Amino acid sequence: MARPTPAVLVTIVPSGDDREALLAAVASAAAVDVAAVHAGRTCPHCGSTDHGRPWATAAGRAVPVSTARTGGATALAVVRGTAVTDVALGIDLEQVARVAAAPLDAFGPAERRGLGGDADRAAAWAVKEAVLKRDGRGLRVDPTAVAVDLERSVARFAGRVQPVTVLWPAPGTVLAVAAGGLPVEVEDRVTPPVG
């Protein structure tokens, strides 16, 4: 039997019962029954299970996951593949209008020169958040520590260059994925198909 190609599977669903949607996404990616999936959150700083980094297991094996929310939509990312339990994963989902209205001071001079407008600014912000989620500390780290190059699809953080994927799943909505260069597949269950 052929093993599935490692990839990041992102499902965008209406916000609501995010936990149930995450369980279903992990079960689908791991090809197991949803009863074999466990998921939750743990804050590495205070130990709370009410917030913090998401985690999941499928049939007892760790599955890398990440989540993001914006404007009534939730993105759930799961790494598919049996040998990828050590992949660090971070995603962010943003609405361009929401980022454009925010008083962000998160871009260095070189970044500001490279940003062409609100869409670029939103994409760069989403990349920063995805990279910091992948790191595990999120916005506890100053986002200016992440230098984004949208043209090259990379971000520099902590002395390393990381490949990132930037996608536009719906008009005015940007998705950024930081997963070490794994391919990304998106299923949008929020935006109706055109045509």
N, C-alpha and C. Protein backbone atom coordinates (compact mmCIF):
# COMPACT_ATOMS: atom_id res chain seq x y z
N MET A 1 0.84 -1.18 0.00
CA MET A 1 0.00 0.00 0.00
C MET A 1 0.88 1.24 0.00
N ALA A 2 0.60 2.18 -0.89
CA ALA A 2 1.38 3.41 -0.99
C ALA A 2 1.07 4.34 0.17
N ARG A 3 2.11 4.94 0.73
CA ARG A 3 1.92 5.91 1.81
C ARG A 3 1.54 7.25 1.20
N PRO A 4 0.66 8.00 1.87
CA PRO A 4 0.29 9.30 1.34
C PRO A 4 1.47 10.26 1.39
N THR A 5 1.57 11.11 0.39
CA THR A 5 2.61 12.12 0.34
C THR A 5 2.42 13.09 1.51
N PRO A 6 3.48 13.36 2.27
CA PRO A 6 3.33 14.33 3.35
C PRO A 6 2.85 15.69 2.81
N ALA A 7 1.90 16.27 3.48
CA ALA A 7 1.35 17.56 3.08
C ALA A 7 0.62 18.17 4.26
N VAL A 8 0.39 19.47 4.17
CA VAL A 8 -0.45 20.16 5.14
C VAL A 8 -1.84 20.26 4.53
N LEU A 9 -2.82 19.71 5.22
CA LEU A 9 -4.21 19.78 4.78
C LEU A 9 -4.90 20.85 5.60
N VAL A 10 -5.39 21.90 4.94
CA VAL A 10 -6.08 22.99 5.63
C VAL A 10 -7.55 22.94 5.25
N THR A 11 -8.40 22.88 6.25
CA THR A 11 -9.84 22.92 6.04
C THR A 11 -10.34 24.21 6.65
N ILE A 12 -11.08 25.00 5.85
CA ILE A 12 -11.65 26.24 6.35
C ILE A 12 -13.14 26.01 6.54
N VAL A 13 -13.59 26.18 7.78
CA VAL A 13 -14.98 25.90 8.15
C VAL A 13 -15.58 27.13 8.82
N PRO A 14 -16.92 27.21 8.85
CA PRO A 14 -17.52 28.29 9.62
C PRO A 14 -17.14 28.13 11.10
N SER A 15 -16.82 29.24 11.76
CA SER A 15 -16.49 29.17 13.18
C SER A 15 -17.68 28.64 13.95
N GLY A 16 -17.40 27.91 14.97
CA GLY A 16 -18.46 27.31 15.78
C GLY A 16 -17.86 26.22 16.62
N ASP A 17 -18.15 24.99 16.28
CA ASP A 17 -17.62 23.88 17.04
C ASP A 17 -16.27 23.47 16.46
N ASP A 18 -15.27 24.30 16.73
CA ASP A 18 -13.94 24.09 16.15
C ASP A 18 -13.31 22.77 16.60
N ARG A 19 -13.58 22.37 17.83
CA ARG A 19 -12.98 21.13 18.32
C ARG A 19 -13.47 19.93 17.53
N GLU A 20 -14.78 19.86 17.29
CA GLU A 20 -15.33 18.74 16.51
C GLU A 20 -14.79 18.76 15.09
N ALA A 21 -14.67 19.94 14.51
CA ALA A 21 -14.13 20.05 13.15
C ALA A 21 -12.67 19.62 13.11
N LEU A 22 -11.91 19.96 14.15
CA LEU A 22 -10.51 19.54 14.21
C LEU A 22 -10.41 18.02 14.35
N LEU A 23 -11.24 17.42 15.20
CA LEU A 23 -11.23 15.97 15.34
C LEU A 23 -11.50 15.29 13.99
N ALA A 24 -12.48 15.81 13.26
CA ALA A 24 -12.82 15.23 11.95
C ALA A 24 -11.68 15.41 10.96
N ALA A 25 -11.03 16.59 10.97
CA ALA A 25 -9.92 16.85 10.04
C ALA A 25 -8.74 15.92 10.33
N VAL A 26 -8.43 15.73 11.61
CA VAL A 26 -7.32 14.83 11.98
C VAL A 26 -7.66 13.40 11.59
N ALA A 27 -8.89 12.96 11.86
CA ALA A 27 -9.30 11.60 11.49
C ALA A 27 -9.17 11.37 10.00
N SER A 28 -9.61 12.35 9.21
CA SER A 28 -9.52 12.23 7.76
C SER A 28 -8.06 12.16 7.29
N ALA A 29 -7.22 13.05 7.81
CA ALA A 29 -5.81 13.08 7.40
C ALA A 29 -5.06 11.83 7.82
N ALA A 30 -5.42 11.29 8.98
CA ALA A 30 -4.73 10.10 9.49
C ALA A 30 -5.38 8.79 9.06
N ALA A 31 -6.51 8.89 8.35
CA ALA A 31 -7.24 7.72 7.88
C ALA A 31 -7.62 6.79 9.04
N VAL A 32 -8.17 7.40 10.11
CA VAL A 32 -8.65 6.63 11.25
C VAL A 32 -10.07 7.08 11.57
N ASP A 33 -10.74 6.29 12.38
CA ASP A 33 -12.07 6.68 12.85
C ASP A 33 -11.93 7.85 13.81
N VAL A 34 -12.89 8.74 13.80
CA VAL A 34 -12.83 9.92 14.67
C VAL A 34 -12.74 9.53 16.14
N ALA A 35 -13.23 8.36 16.51
CA ALA A 35 -13.13 7.90 17.90
C ALA A 35 -11.69 7.66 18.33
N ALA A 36 -10.78 7.48 17.37
CA ALA A 36 -9.37 7.25 17.68
C ALA A 36 -8.57 8.54 17.80
N VAL A 37 -9.26 9.68 17.67
CA VAL A 37 -8.59 10.98 17.70
C VAL A 37 -8.87 11.69 19.02
N HIS A 38 -7.84 12.28 19.57
CA HIS A 38 -7.96 13.11 20.76
C HIS A 38 -7.29 14.44 20.44
N ALA A 39 -7.88 15.53 20.93
CA ALA A 39 -7.32 16.86 20.66
C ALA A 39 -7.62 17.79 21.82
N GLY A 40 -6.83 18.81 21.91
CA GLY A 40 -7.04 19.81 22.95
C GLY A 40 -6.08 20.96 22.78
N ARG A 41 -5.93 21.73 23.83
CA ARG A 41 -5.01 22.86 23.86
C ARG A 41 -4.23 22.79 25.16
N THR A 42 -3.00 23.25 25.11
CA THR A 42 -2.19 23.36 26.32
C THR A 42 -1.32 24.60 26.21
N CYS A 43 -1.38 25.43 27.23
CA CYS A 43 -0.52 26.61 27.28
C CYS A 43 0.82 26.21 27.88
N PRO A 44 1.91 26.38 27.13
CA PRO A 44 3.22 25.98 27.67
C PRO A 44 3.71 26.89 28.80
N HIS A 45 3.04 28.01 28.99
CA HIS A 45 3.49 28.98 30.00
C HIS A 45 2.78 28.80 31.34
N CYS A 46 1.45 28.54 31.29
CA CYS A 46 0.71 28.43 32.55
C CYS A 46 0.10 27.04 32.76
N GLY A 47 0.15 26.19 31.72
CA GLY A 47 -0.38 24.85 31.84
C GLY A 47 -1.88 24.73 31.62
N SER A 48 -2.55 25.84 31.35
CA SER A 48 -4.00 25.83 31.15
C SER A 48 -4.37 25.00 29.93
N THR A 49 -5.53 24.37 29.99
CA THR A 49 -6.06 23.66 28.83
C THR A 49 -7.22 24.43 28.20
N ASP A 50 -7.46 25.66 28.68
CA ASP A 50 -8.50 26.52 28.11
C ASP A 50 -7.99 27.35 26.94
N HIS A 51 -6.69 27.46 26.81
CA HIS A 51 -6.09 28.22 25.72
C HIS A 51 -4.71 27.61 25.46
N GLY A 52 -4.01 28.16 24.48
CA GLY A 52 -2.67 27.68 24.18
C GLY A 52 -2.61 26.95 22.86
N ARG A 53 -1.49 26.30 22.66
CA ARG A 53 -1.20 25.62 21.40
C ARG A 53 -2.06 24.37 21.26
N PRO A 54 -2.70 24.18 20.08
CA PRO A 54 -3.49 22.97 19.88
C PRO A 54 -2.59 21.74 19.71
N TRP A 55 -3.12 20.59 20.09
CA TRP A 55 -2.43 19.32 19.90
C TRP A 55 -3.46 18.27 19.49
N ALA A 56 -2.98 17.21 18.85
CA ALA A 56 -3.88 16.11 18.49
C ALA A 56 -3.08 14.82 18.40
N THR A 57 -3.80 13.71 18.67
CA THR A 57 -3.25 12.38 18.45
C THR A 57 -4.27 11.58 17.66
N ALA A 58 -3.78 10.67 16.84
CA ALA A 58 -4.63 9.76 16.07
C ALA A 58 -4.11 8.36 16.33
N ALA A 59 -4.95 7.52 16.91
CA ALA A 59 -4.56 6.15 17.27
C ALA A 59 -3.29 6.16 18.11
N GLY A 60 -3.18 7.14 19.02
CA GLY A 60 -2.06 7.23 19.93
C GLY A 60 -0.82 7.89 19.40
N ARG A 61 -0.82 8.29 18.13
CA ARG A 61 0.36 8.92 17.52
C ARG A 61 0.12 10.42 17.36
N ALA A 62 1.11 11.24 17.75
CA ALA A 62 0.99 12.69 17.65
C ALA A 62 0.82 13.11 16.19
N VAL A 63 -0.08 14.06 15.96
CA VAL A 63 -0.32 14.61 14.62
C VAL A 63 -0.16 16.13 14.73
N PRO A 64 0.77 16.72 13.95
CA PRO A 64 0.93 18.17 14.01
C PRO A 64 -0.33 18.89 13.52
N VAL A 65 -0.79 19.88 14.32
CA VAL A 65 -1.98 20.67 13.98
C VAL A 65 -1.73 22.13 14.31
N SER A 66 -2.53 23.00 13.67
CA SER A 66 -2.53 24.42 14.00
C SER A 66 -3.90 24.96 13.60
N THR A 67 -4.33 26.02 14.28
CA THR A 67 -5.64 26.61 13.98
C THR A 67 -5.52 28.13 13.91
N ALA A 68 -6.49 28.74 13.22
CA ALA A 68 -6.57 30.21 13.15
C ALA A 68 -8.01 30.58 12.86
N ARG A 69 -8.41 31.77 13.33
CA ARG A 69 -9.78 32.25 13.12
C ARG A 69 -9.77 33.69 12.63
N THR A 70 -10.76 34.01 11.80
CA THR A 70 -11.01 35.38 11.41
C THR A 70 -12.41 35.49 10.85
N GLY A 71 -13.11 36.54 11.21
CA GLY A 71 -14.40 36.89 10.61
C GLY A 71 -15.37 35.76 10.37
N GLY A 72 -15.60 34.90 11.32
CA GLY A 72 -16.57 33.83 11.17
C GLY A 72 -16.05 32.57 10.51
N ALA A 73 -14.75 32.54 10.20
CA ALA A 73 -14.15 31.35 9.59
C ALA A 73 -13.01 30.85 10.47
N THR A 74 -12.85 29.55 10.48
CA THR A 74 -11.75 28.91 11.22
C THR A 74 -10.98 28.03 10.24
N ALA A 75 -9.66 28.17 10.27
CA ALA A 75 -8.79 27.31 9.46
C ALA A 75 -8.17 26.27 10.38
N LEU A 76 -8.26 25.02 9.97
CA LEU A 76 -7.72 23.89 10.73
C LEU A 76 -6.66 23.23 9.86
N ALA A 77 -5.43 23.21 10.33
CA ALA A 77 -4.34 22.61 9.55
C ALA A 77 -3.87 21.33 10.23
N VAL A 78 -3.67 20.30 9.42
CA VAL A 78 -3.24 18.99 9.89
C VAL A 78 -2.15 18.50 8.95
N VAL A 79 -1.08 17.93 9.49
CA VAL A 79 -0.05 17.35 8.64
C VAL A 79 -0.41 15.90 8.37
N ARG A 80 -0.51 15.55 7.09
CA ARG A 80 -0.80 14.17 6.67
C ARG A 80 0.52 13.46 6.39
N GLY A 81 0.59 12.21 6.78
CA GLY A 81 1.77 11.40 6.50
C GLY A 81 2.23 10.72 7.77
N THR A 82 2.71 9.50 7.66
CA THR A 82 3.04 8.72 8.84
C THR A 82 4.37 9.09 9.46
N ALA A 83 5.27 9.68 8.71
CA ALA A 83 6.61 9.96 9.25
C ALA A 83 6.80 11.44 9.54
N VAL A 84 5.71 12.17 9.80
CA VAL A 84 5.83 13.62 9.95
C VAL A 84 5.40 14.11 11.33
N THR A 85 5.49 13.27 12.33
CA THR A 85 5.04 13.69 13.65
C THR A 85 5.92 14.78 14.24
N ASP A 86 7.14 14.95 13.72
CA ASP A 86 8.04 15.96 14.26
C ASP A 86 7.99 17.28 13.48
N VAL A 87 7.08 17.43 12.54
CA VAL A 87 6.97 18.66 11.76
C VAL A 87 6.31 19.73 12.63
N ALA A 88 6.98 20.87 12.75
CA ALA A 88 6.37 22.01 13.44
C ALA A 88 5.49 22.73 12.43
N LEU A 89 4.31 23.16 12.87
CA LEU A 89 3.32 23.72 11.97
C LEU A 89 2.71 24.97 12.58
N GLY A 90 2.55 26.00 11.76
CA GLY A 90 1.86 27.21 12.19
C GLY A 90 1.08 27.79 11.03
N ILE A 91 -0.16 28.24 11.30
CA ILE A 91 -0.95 28.88 10.26
C ILE A 91 -1.58 30.15 10.81
N ASP A 92 -1.97 31.02 9.89
CA ASP A 92 -2.78 32.18 10.26
C ASP A 92 -3.73 32.48 9.11
N LEU A 93 -4.91 32.95 9.47
CA LEU A 93 -5.96 33.32 8.52
C LEU A 93 -6.36 34.74 8.88
N GLU A 94 -6.31 35.64 7.90
CA GLU A 94 -6.61 37.06 8.16
C GLU A 94 -7.50 37.64 7.07
N GLN A 95 -8.30 38.61 7.46
CA GLN A 95 -9.06 39.40 6.50
C GLN A 95 -8.25 40.67 6.22
N VAL A 96 -8.08 40.98 4.95
CA VAL A 96 -7.28 42.15 4.56
C VAL A 96 -7.83 43.42 5.22
N ALA A 97 -9.13 43.62 5.18
CA ALA A 97 -9.73 44.84 5.74
C ALA A 97 -9.46 44.96 7.23
N ARG A 98 -9.48 43.86 7.92
CA ARG A 98 -9.24 43.88 9.38
C ARG A 98 -7.80 44.26 9.69
N VAL A 99 -6.85 43.71 8.94
CA VAL A 99 -5.44 44.04 9.15
C VAL A 99 -5.18 45.49 8.74
N ALA A 100 -5.80 45.93 7.64
CA ALA A 100 -5.60 47.30 7.17
C ALA A 100 -6.07 48.31 8.21
N ALA A 101 -7.09 47.98 8.98
CA ALA A 101 -7.63 48.90 9.98
C ALA A 101 -6.86 48.85 11.30
N ALA A 102 -5.98 47.88 11.47
CA ALA A 102 -5.25 47.72 12.74
C ALA A 102 -4.00 48.59 12.76
N PRO A 103 -3.71 49.21 13.89
CA PRO A 103 -2.50 50.03 14.01
C PRO A 103 -1.27 49.17 14.29
N LEU A 104 -0.87 48.36 13.31
CA LEU A 104 0.26 47.45 13.50
C LEU A 104 1.59 48.19 13.31
N ASP A 105 2.50 47.96 14.23
CA ASP A 105 3.86 48.45 14.10
C ASP A 105 4.77 47.23 14.13
N ALA A 106 4.59 46.37 13.13
CA ALA A 106 5.26 45.07 13.16
C ALA A 106 6.20 44.85 11.99
N PHE A 107 6.46 45.91 11.20
CA PHE A 107 7.25 45.75 9.99
C PHE A 107 8.51 46.61 10.05
N GLY A 108 9.62 46.00 9.69
CA GLY A 108 10.88 46.74 9.62
C GLY A 108 10.93 47.59 8.37
N PRO A 109 11.93 48.47 8.25
CA PRO A 109 12.04 49.37 7.09
C PRO A 109 12.10 48.62 5.76
N ALA A 110 12.88 47.55 5.68
CA ALA A 110 12.98 46.79 4.42
C ALA A 110 11.63 46.16 4.07
N GLU A 111 10.94 45.64 5.09
CA GLU A 111 9.62 45.05 4.84
C GLU A 111 8.65 46.11 4.32
N ARG A 112 8.62 47.27 4.98
CA ARG A 112 7.69 48.34 4.57
C ARG A 112 7.94 48.75 3.12
N ARG A 113 9.21 48.80 2.71
CA ARG A 113 9.51 49.17 1.32
C ARG A 113 9.00 48.11 0.34
N GLY A 114 8.95 46.85 0.77
CA GLY A 114 8.54 45.76 -0.11
C GLY A 114 7.05 45.50 -0.14
N LEU A 115 6.30 46.16 0.75
CA LEU A 115 4.85 45.91 0.81
C LEU A 115 4.13 46.85 -0.14
N GLY A 116 3.33 46.27 -1.03
CA GLY A 116 2.67 47.07 -2.06
C GLY A 116 1.33 47.66 -1.67
N GLY A 117 0.76 47.28 -0.58
CA GLY A 117 -0.55 47.80 -0.19
C GLY A 117 -1.15 46.95 0.90
N ASP A 118 -2.46 47.12 1.10
CA ASP A 118 -3.15 46.42 2.18
C ASP A 118 -3.07 44.90 2.06
N ALA A 119 -3.18 44.37 0.84
CA ALA A 119 -3.12 42.91 0.67
C ALA A 119 -1.74 42.38 1.06
N ASP A 120 -0.69 43.06 0.64
CA ASP A 120 0.66 42.64 1.01
C ASP A 120 0.87 42.75 2.52
N ARG A 121 0.36 43.81 3.11
CA ARG A 121 0.51 44.02 4.56
C ARG A 121 -0.20 42.89 5.32
N ALA A 122 -1.39 42.54 4.88
CA ALA A 122 -2.13 41.44 5.53
C ALA A 122 -1.39 40.12 5.36
N ALA A 123 -0.87 39.87 4.16
CA ALA A 123 -0.13 38.63 3.92
C ALA A 123 1.12 38.56 4.78
N ALA A 124 1.86 39.67 4.88
CA ALA A 124 3.08 39.68 5.69
C ALA A 124 2.75 39.47 7.17
N TRP A 125 1.66 40.09 7.63
CA TRP A 125 1.25 39.89 9.03
C TRP A 125 0.88 38.43 9.27
N ALA A 126 0.13 37.83 8.35
CA ALA A 126 -0.27 36.43 8.49
C ALA A 126 0.96 35.52 8.52
N VAL A 127 1.97 35.82 7.70
CA VAL A 127 3.20 35.03 7.70
C VAL A 127 3.88 35.14 9.06
N LYS A 128 3.97 36.36 9.60
CA LYS A 128 4.60 36.54 10.91
C LYS A 128 3.90 35.68 11.97
N GLU A 129 2.57 35.74 11.98
CA GLU A 129 1.84 34.95 12.98
C GLU A 129 2.05 33.45 12.76
N ALA A 130 2.02 32.99 11.51
CA ALA A 130 2.21 31.57 11.23
C ALA A 130 3.60 31.10 11.69
N VAL A 131 4.63 31.89 11.41
CA VAL A 131 6.00 31.53 11.81
C VAL A 131 6.12 31.49 13.33
N LEU A 132 5.50 32.46 14.01
CA LEU A 132 5.59 32.48 15.47
C LEU A 132 4.76 31.37 16.11
N LYS A 133 3.65 30.99 15.49
CA LYS A 133 2.90 29.82 15.97
C LYS A 133 3.73 28.56 15.78
N ARG A 134 4.41 28.47 14.64
CA ARG A 134 5.25 27.30 14.38
C ARG A 134 6.35 27.20 15.43
N ASP A 135 6.89 28.33 15.83
CA ASP A 135 7.92 28.39 16.86
C ASP A 135 7.39 27.91 18.20
N GLY A 136 6.08 28.11 18.43
CA GLY A 136 5.46 27.66 19.67
C GLY A 136 5.23 28.76 20.69
N ARG A 137 5.77 29.94 20.43
CA ARG A 137 5.60 31.02 21.39
C ARG A 137 4.58 32.06 20.94
N GLY A 138 4.20 32.02 19.69
CA GLY A 138 3.21 32.96 19.19
C GLY A 138 3.60 34.39 19.43
N LEU A 139 2.61 35.22 19.72
CA LEU A 139 2.85 36.65 19.88
C LEU A 139 3.50 37.02 21.21
N ARG A 140 4.01 36.04 21.93
CA ARG A 140 4.87 36.35 23.07
C ARG A 140 6.21 36.86 22.57
N VAL A 141 6.48 36.62 21.29
CA VAL A 141 7.69 37.11 20.63
C VAL A 141 7.29 38.34 19.81
N ASP A 142 8.12 39.35 19.85
CA ASP A 142 7.88 40.57 19.07
C ASP A 142 7.82 40.20 17.58
N PRO A 143 6.71 40.51 16.89
CA PRO A 143 6.60 40.14 15.48
C PRO A 143 7.64 40.80 14.58
N THR A 144 8.27 41.88 15.04
CA THR A 144 9.33 42.47 14.21
C THR A 144 10.55 41.54 14.12
N ALA A 145 10.61 40.51 14.98
CA ALA A 145 11.70 39.54 14.92
C ALA A 145 11.60 38.64 13.70
N VAL A 146 10.44 38.64 13.03
CA VAL A 146 10.24 37.85 11.82
C VAL A 146 10.29 38.81 10.62
N ALA A 147 11.26 38.59 9.74
CA ALA A 147 11.39 39.41 8.53
C ALA A 147 10.79 38.64 7.36
N VAL A 148 9.77 39.21 6.74
CA VAL A 148 9.02 38.52 5.68
C VAL A 148 9.44 39.02 4.31
N ASP A 149 9.68 38.09 3.39
CA ASP A 149 9.94 38.40 1.99
C ASP A 149 8.87 37.68 1.17
N LEU A 150 7.77 38.40 0.88
CA LEU A 150 6.66 37.78 0.15
C LEU A 150 7.07 37.36 -1.26
N GLU A 151 7.92 38.12 -1.89
CA GLU A 151 8.33 37.81 -3.26
C GLU A 151 9.03 36.46 -3.35
N ARG A 152 9.84 36.14 -2.34
CA ARG A 152 10.57 34.87 -2.32
C ARG A 152 9.84 33.78 -1.54
N SER A 153 8.71 34.11 -0.89
CA SER A 153 7.94 33.16 -0.07
C SER A 153 8.77 32.57 1.06
N VAL A 154 9.47 33.46 1.77
CA VAL A 154 10.28 33.05 2.91
C VAL A 154 10.13 34.06 4.04
N ALA A 155 10.50 33.61 5.24
CA ALA A 155 10.58 34.48 6.40
C ALA A 155 11.87 34.14 7.13
N ARG A 156 12.55 35.16 7.63
CA ARG A 156 13.77 34.94 8.42
C ARG A 156 13.40 35.16 9.88
N PHE A 157 13.71 34.14 10.69
CA PHE A 157 13.42 34.21 12.12
C PHE A 157 14.45 33.40 12.87
N ALA A 158 14.97 33.96 13.93
CA ALA A 158 15.96 33.30 14.80
C ALA A 158 17.16 32.79 13.99
N GLY A 159 17.58 33.61 13.03
CA GLY A 159 18.76 33.27 12.24
C GLY A 159 18.55 32.24 11.15
N ARG A 160 17.30 31.81 10.93
CA ARG A 160 17.03 30.81 9.89
C ARG A 160 16.02 31.34 8.89
N VAL A 161 16.19 30.92 7.65
CA VAL A 161 15.23 31.25 6.61
C VAL A 161 14.24 30.09 6.51
N GLN A 162 12.94 30.42 6.58
CA GLN A 162 11.90 29.40 6.54
C GLN A 162 11.02 29.61 5.32
N PRO A 163 10.75 28.55 4.56
CA PRO A 163 9.78 28.68 3.47
C PRO A 163 8.38 28.85 4.04
N VAL A 164 7.57 29.66 3.39
CA VAL A 164 6.19 29.86 3.80
C VAL A 164 5.30 29.79 2.56
N THR A 165 4.04 29.46 2.79
CA THR A 165 3.06 29.42 1.71
C THR A 165 2.00 30.47 2.01
N VAL A 166 1.70 31.31 1.02
CA VAL A 166 0.65 32.32 1.16
C VAL A 166 -0.40 32.03 0.09
N LEU A 167 -1.64 31.85 0.53
CA LEU A 167 -2.76 31.55 -0.36
C LEU A 167 -3.91 32.51 -0.10
N TRP A 168 -4.77 32.67 -1.09
CA TRP A 168 -5.93 33.54 -0.98
C TRP A 168 -7.18 32.68 -1.17
N PRO A 169 -7.68 32.04 -0.10
CA PRO A 169 -8.80 31.11 -0.24
C PRO A 169 -10.13 31.78 -0.62
N ALA A 170 -10.26 33.07 -0.36
CA ALA A 170 -11.47 33.82 -0.71
C ALA A 170 -11.05 35.27 -0.93
N PRO A 171 -11.84 36.02 -1.67
CA PRO A 171 -11.50 37.44 -1.87
C PRO A 171 -11.35 38.14 -0.52
N GLY A 172 -10.24 38.85 -0.35
CA GLY A 172 -10.01 39.60 0.88
C GLY A 172 -9.59 38.78 2.07
N THR A 173 -9.28 37.49 1.86
CA THR A 173 -8.86 36.62 2.95
C THR A 173 -7.55 35.94 2.58
N VAL A 174 -6.57 36.02 3.48
CA VAL A 174 -5.26 35.45 3.22
C VAL A 174 -4.96 34.36 4.25
N LEU A 175 -4.33 33.29 3.78
CA LEU A 175 -3.93 32.16 4.61
C LEU A 175 -2.42 32.03 4.48
N ALA A 176 -1.72 31.98 5.61
CA ALA A 176 -0.28 31.75 5.60
C ALA A 176 0.01 30.45 6.35
N VAL A 177 0.92 29.66 5.79
CA VAL A 177 1.29 28.37 6.37
C VAL A 177 2.81 28.31 6.49
N ALA A 178 3.29 28.00 7.68
CA ALA A 178 4.71 27.77 7.93
C ALA A 178 4.85 26.32 8.36
N ALA A 179 5.43 25.50 7.47
CA ALA A 179 5.54 24.06 7.75
C ALA A 179 6.77 23.46 7.10
N GLY A 180 7.83 24.22 7.07
CA GLY A 180 9.08 23.68 6.54
C GLY A 180 9.05 23.38 5.06
N GLY A 181 8.14 23.97 4.32
CA GLY A 181 8.09 23.77 2.88
C GLY A 181 7.20 22.64 2.40
N LEU A 182 6.47 21.99 3.31
CA LEU A 182 5.54 20.94 2.88
C LEU A 182 4.48 21.55 1.95
N PRO A 183 4.02 20.79 0.95
CA PRO A 183 2.94 21.29 0.10
C PRO A 183 1.66 21.48 0.92
N VAL A 184 0.82 22.39 0.46
CA VAL A 184 -0.40 22.74 1.18
C VAL A 184 -1.60 22.50 0.28
N GLU A 185 -2.61 21.81 0.84
CA GLU A 185 -3.88 21.59 0.15
C GLU A 185 -4.97 22.25 0.98
N VAL A 186 -5.88 23.00 0.32
CA VAL A 186 -6.92 23.73 1.05
C VAL A 186 -8.30 23.30 0.58
N GLU A 187 -9.18 23.06 1.56
CA GLU A 187 -10.60 22.83 1.29
C GLU A 187 -11.36 23.92 2.03
N ASP A 188 -12.02 24.78 1.27
CA ASP A 188 -12.78 25.90 1.85
C ASP A 188 -14.25 25.52 1.89
N ARG A 189 -14.78 25.33 3.11
CA ARG A 189 -16.18 24.99 3.27
C ARG A 189 -17.02 26.21 3.65
N VAL A 190 -16.42 27.41 3.57
CA VAL A 190 -17.11 28.63 3.92
C VAL A 190 -17.55 29.38 2.66
N THR A 191 -16.60 29.60 1.74
CA THR A 191 -16.87 30.35 0.53
C THR A 191 -17.54 29.47 -0.50
N PRO A 192 -18.74 29.86 -1.00
CA PRO A 192 -19.39 29.03 -2.03
C PRO A 192 -18.57 29.03 -3.31
N PRO A 193 -18.52 27.90 -4.02
CA PRO A 193 -17.77 27.85 -5.27
C PRO A 193 -18.36 28.79 -6.31
N VAL A 194 -17.49 29.34 -7.14
CA VAL A 194 -17.92 30.24 -8.21
C VAL A 194 -18.19 29.40 -9.46
N GLY A 195 -19.26 29.74 -10.17
CA GLY A 195 -19.49 29.06 -11.44
C GLY A 195 -20.73 28.32 -11.43
